[in-house]
Structures are given as C-alpha cells and as structure tokens.
Amino acid sequence: MKKQRPVNLELNTIKFPPSAISSILHRVTGVAMFFALLFVIWAWAVSVQSPEGFANVQAIMDGFFGKFVAIGTASALTYHILGGLRHVVMDLGHWEELESGNTSAKATIALWIVLTVVLGVALW
C-alpha cells in the first residue's frame, strides 16, 4: 500500500501557532542562557584574579558588548522564567485548551517584550 501524504518543504509557508512559538522560545532561551553562562564564568574567573582583571571585566561590561550580553542574558532569563511558569500552570491542568493555550502564549510573549524593554532601559 502506497501512502501519499502531503509534503511541504517550503519552510516559509508554515505558520506556527502561538503556543508552538512559546514552547520553542522557552527551549531557545534555555540554550541561550547556557552559552551566556560561559561568558559569566569567564568574567567571574578573570575578575577575581587581580585588580587589573576586575578593571578589565568592568570596562568590558561598561562597553557595548557587555551591555548587549547583560541585556540578552536578562531577556533570556526573563522569558525562560515566564515560559516555565506558563508550563507549570499547564501541568496543573489549566490553559490546556487550544484557545486558552494560545492566549497564555501570547500574553507570555507580550509580557516578555515589555519586561525586556524595561530591563534594557534600566541596564543601558
């Protein structure tokens, strides 16, 4: 028996629902925090070696790259926490329906954007 299934190889035509985007963002921010942690560990190690090392790390963190990494890390952590709380609520049996799941995903993403802007302004 030959199975004929529709095959869509054009990725730009696929539209993900908000709940899928939220789930993917939760995973992506977890990976982003892992890589940000490498920078944080390096900065801690260098800053405690000597006063010059501390001054170097402080200069990096006062520059564009340091602020970019700090805001990106804070943004990733913010979304990961919000997404994690959303998943906990879903594990408790709420927001499991299609409409409420998509609404909670949209609210999570919107709150993340607002908090990222607030953090960005505060850290810059």
C-alpha atoms as a PDB file:
ATOM      1  CA  MET A   1       0.000   0.000   0.000  1.00  0.00           C
ATOM      2  CA  LYS A   2       1.454   3.317  -1.070  1.00  0.00           C
ATOM      3  CA  LYS A   3       0.987   6.137   1.406  1.00  0.00           C
ATOM      4  CA  GLN A   4       0.537   9.514  -0.236  1.00  0.00           C
ATOM      5  CA  ARG A   5       0.988  12.254   2.309  1.00  0.00           C
ATOM      6  CA  PRO A   6       1.227  15.937   1.540  1.00  0.00           C
ATOM      7  CA  VAL A   7       4.811  17.125   1.837  1.00  0.00           C
ATOM      8  CA  ASN A   8       5.522  20.788   2.433  1.00  0.00           C
ATOM      9  CA  LEU A   9       9.218  21.507   2.015  1.00  0.00           C
ATOM     10  CA  GLU A  10       8.809  25.294   1.901  1.00  0.00           C
ATOM     11  CA  LEU A  11       9.505  26.315   5.496  1.00  0.00           C
ATOM     12  CA  ASN A  12       8.489  29.928   4.917  1.00  0.00           C
ATOM     13  CA  THR A  13       4.888  28.830   4.287  1.00  0.00           C
ATOM     14  CA  ILE A  14       4.488  27.049   7.625  1.00  0.00           C
ATOM     15  CA  LYS A  15       2.628  29.109  10.249  1.00  0.00           C
ATOM     16  CA  PHE A  16       3.210  28.033  13.825  1.00  0.00           C
ATOM     17  CA  PRO A  17       0.513  28.704  16.435  1.00  0.00           C
ATOM     18  CA  PRO A  18       1.461  30.984  19.356  1.00  0.00           C
ATOM     19  CA  SER A  19       1.724  28.016  21.738  1.00  0.00           C
ATOM     20  CA  ALA A  20       4.338  26.383  19.492  1.00  0.00           C
ATOM     21  CA  ILE A  21       6.311  29.630  19.226  1.00  0.00           C
ATOM     22  CA  SER A  22       6.179  29.976  23.011  1.00  0.00           C
ATOM     23  CA  SER A  23       7.445  26.436  23.511  1.00  0.00           C
ATOM     24  CA  ILE A  24      10.258  26.899  21.002  1.00  0.00           C
ATOM     25  CA  LEU A  25      11.261  30.215  22.620  1.00  0.00           C
ATOM     26  CA  HIS A  26      11.389  28.504  26.008  1.00  0.00           C
ATOM     27  CA  ARG A  27      13.897  25.978  24.651  1.00  0.00           C
ATOM     28  CA  VAL A  28      15.915  28.603  22.761  1.00  0.00           C
ATOM     29  CA  THR A  29      16.232  30.832  25.826  1.00  0.00           C
ATOM     30  CA  GLY A  30      17.425  27.853  27.862  1.00  0.00           C
ATOM     31  CA  VAL A  31      20.209  27.232  25.341  1.00  0.00           C
ATOM     32  CA  ALA A  32      20.999  30.962  25.202  1.00  0.00           C
ATOM     33  CA  MET A  33      21.387  31.068  28.983  1.00  0.00           C
ATOM     34  CA  PHE A  34      23.767  28.119  28.841  1.00  0.00           C
ATOM     35  CA  PHE A  35      26.037  29.974  26.428  1.00  0.00           C
ATOM     36  CA  ALA A  36      25.682  33.223  28.386  1.00  0.00           C
ATOM     37  CA  LEU A  37      26.807  31.318  31.447  1.00  0.00           C
ATOM     38  CA  LEU A  38      30.136  30.648  29.715  1.00  0.00           C
ATOM     39  CA  PHE A  39      30.708  34.410  29.477  1.00  0.00           C
ATOM     40  CA  VAL A  40      29.628  34.902  33.092  1.00  0.00           C
ATOM     41  CA  ILE A  41      32.001  32.196  34.361  1.00  0.00           C
ATOM     42  CA  TRP A  42      34.858  33.704  32.340  1.00  0.00           C
ATOM     43  CA  ALA A  43      34.084  37.181  33.713  1.00  0.00           C
ATOM     44  CA  TRP A  44      33.970  35.884  37.288  1.00  0.00           C
ATOM     45  CA  ALA A  45      37.240  33.988  36.885  1.00  0.00           C
ATOM     46  CA  VAL A  46      39.075  36.978  35.401  1.00  0.00           C
ATOM     47  CA  SER A  47      37.623  39.496  37.838  1.00  0.00           C
ATOM     48  CA  VAL A  48      38.797  37.629  40.955  1.00  0.00           C
ATOM     49  CA  GLN A  49      42.336  37.011  39.713  1.00  0.00           C
ATOM     50  CA  SER A  50      43.619  40.545  40.220  1.00  0.00           C
ATOM     51  CA  PRO A  51      42.559  44.182  40.464  1.00  0.00           C
ATOM     52  CA  GLU A  52      43.583  44.616  36.815  1.00  0.00           C
ATOM     53  CA  GLY A  53      41.385  41.682  35.793  1.00  0.00           C
ATOM     54  CA  PHE A  54      38.478  43.214  37.667  1.00  0.00           C
ATOM     55  CA  ALA A  55      39.075  46.542  35.926  1.00  0.00           C
ATOM     56  CA  ASN A  56      39.188  44.787  32.534  1.00  0.00           C
ATOM     57  CA  VAL A  57      35.905  42.984  33.149  1.00  0.00           C
ATOM     58  CA  GLN A  58      34.368  46.207  34.413  1.00  0.00           C
ATOM     59  CA  ALA A  59      35.495  48.015  31.254  1.00  0.00           C
ATOM     60  CA  ILE A  60      34.008  45.254  29.080  1.00  0.00           C
ATOM     61  CA  MET A  61      30.711  45.366  30.976  1.00  0.00           C
ATOM     62  CA  ASP A  62      30.554  49.157  30.622  1.00  0.00           C
ATOM     63  CA  GLY A  63      31.016  48.860  26.850  1.00  0.00           C
ATOM     64  CA  PHE A  64      28.514  47.957  24.144  1.00  0.00           C
ATOM     65  CA  PHE A  65      29.367  44.235  24.130  1.00  0.00           C
ATOM     66  CA  GLY A  66      28.968  43.873  27.883  1.00  0.00           C
ATOM     67  CA  LYS A  67      25.646  45.691  27.932  1.00  0.00           C
ATOM     68  CA  PHE A  68      24.434  43.656  24.956  1.00  0.00           C
ATOM     69  CA  VAL A  69      25.311  40.399  26.725  1.00  0.00           C
ATOM     70  CA  ALA A  70      23.775  41.592  30.006  1.00  0.00           C
ATOM     71  CA  ILE A  71      20.512  42.655  28.386  1.00  0.00           C
ATOM     72  CA  GLY A  72      20.388  39.483  26.270  1.00  0.00           C
ATOM     73  CA  THR A  73      21.015  37.275  29.279  1.00  0.00           C
ATOM     74  CA  ALA A  74      18.422  39.112  31.381  1.00  0.00           C
ATOM     75  CA  SER A  75      15.948  38.861  28.498  1.00  0.00           C
ATOM     76  CA  ALA A  76      16.558  35.123  28.072  1.00  0.00           C
ATOM     77  CA  LEU A  77      16.219  34.547  31.811  1.00  0.00           C
ATOM     78  CA  THR A  78      13.007  36.597  31.914  1.00  0.00           C
ATOM     79  CA  TYR A  79      11.386  34.642  29.115  1.00  0.00           C
ATOM     80  CA  HIS A  80      12.587  31.311  30.436  1.00  0.00           C
ATOM     81  CA  ILE A  81      11.034  32.057  33.840  1.00  0.00           C
ATOM     82  CA  LEU A  82       7.770  33.286  32.287  1.00  0.00           C
ATOM     83  CA  GLY A  83       7.609  30.296  29.951  1.00  0.00           C
ATOM     84  CA  GLY A  84       8.427  27.947  32.803  1.00  0.00           C
ATOM     85  CA  LEU A  85       5.641  29.400  34.936  1.00  0.00           C
ATOM     86  CA  ARG A  86       3.270  29.007  31.985  1.00  0.00           C
ATOM     87  CA  HIS A  87       4.274  25.346  31.679  1.00  0.00           C
ATOM     88  CA  VAL A  88       3.775  24.804  35.430  1.00  0.00           C
ATOM     89  CA  VAL A  89       0.252  26.226  35.194  1.00  0.00           C
ATOM     90  CA  MET A  90      -0.389  23.933  32.227  1.00  0.00           C
ATOM     91  CA  ASP A  91       0.948  20.971  34.209  1.00  0.00           C
ATOM     92  CA  LEU A  92      -1.613  21.811  36.900  1.00  0.00           C
ATOM     93  CA  GLY A  93      -4.367  21.335  34.333  1.00  0.00           C
ATOM     94  CA  HIS A  94      -5.071  24.907  33.240  1.00  0.00           C
ATOM     95  CA  TRP A  95      -4.638  26.576  29.837  1.00  0.00           C
ATOM     96  CA  GLU A  96      -4.615  23.208  28.093  1.00  0.00           C
ATOM     97  CA  GLU A  97      -7.363  24.028  25.622  1.00  0.00           C
ATOM     98  CA  LEU A  98      -6.387  25.450  22.252  1.00  0.00           C
ATOM     99  CA  GLU A  99      -7.789  28.939  22.801  1.00  0.00           C
ATOM    100  CA  SER A 100      -6.571  29.412  26.364  1.00  0.00           C
ATOM    101  CA  GLY A 101      -3.169  27.915  25.500  1.00  0.00           C
ATOM    102  CA  ASN A 102      -2.698  30.322  22.609  1.00  0.00           C
ATOM    103  CA  THR A 103      -3.910  33.251  24.727  1.00  0.00           C
ATOM    104  CA  SER A 104      -1.472  32.400  27.526  1.00  0.00           C
ATOM    105  CA  ALA A 105       1.336  32.077  24.973  1.00  0.00           C
ATOM    106  CA  LYS A 106       0.548  35.493  23.501  1.00  0.00           C
ATOM    107  CA  ALA A 107       0.390  37.013  26.996  1.00  0.00           C
ATOM    108  CA  THR A 108       3.720  35.432  27.929  1.00  0.00           C
ATOM    109  CA  ILE A 109       5.421  36.759  24.797  1.00  0.00           C
ATOM    110  CA  ALA A 110       3.896  40.228  25.239  1.00  0.00           C
ATOM    111  CA  LEU A 111       4.941  40.403  28.902  1.00  0.00           C
ATOM    112  CA  TRP A 112       8.437  39.244  27.937  1.00  0.00           C
ATOM    113  CA  ILE A 113       8.768  42.031  25.370  1.00  0.00           C
ATOM    114  CA  VAL A 114       7.608  44.659  27.875  1.00  0.00           C
ATOM    115  CA  LEU A 115       9.965  43.385  30.580  1.00  0.00           C
ATOM    116  CA  THR A 116      12.868  43.202  28.137  1.00  0.00           C
ATOM    117  CA  VAL A 117      12.351  46.835  27.153  1.00  0.00           C
ATOM    118  CA  VAL A 118      12.176  47.849  30.819  1.00  0.00           C
ATOM    119  CA  LEU A 119      15.340  45.837  31.615  1.00  0.00           C
ATOM    120  CA  GLY A 120      17.082  47.250  28.553  1.00  0.00           C
ATOM    121  CA  VAL A 121      16.361  50.816  29.611  1.00  0.00           C
ATOM    122  CA  ALA A 122      17.397  50.078  33.199  1.00  0.00           C
ATOM    123  CA  LEU A 123      20.654  48.352  32.252  1.00  0.00           C
ATOM    124  CA  TRP A 124      21.709  50.724  29.494  1.00  0.00           C
END
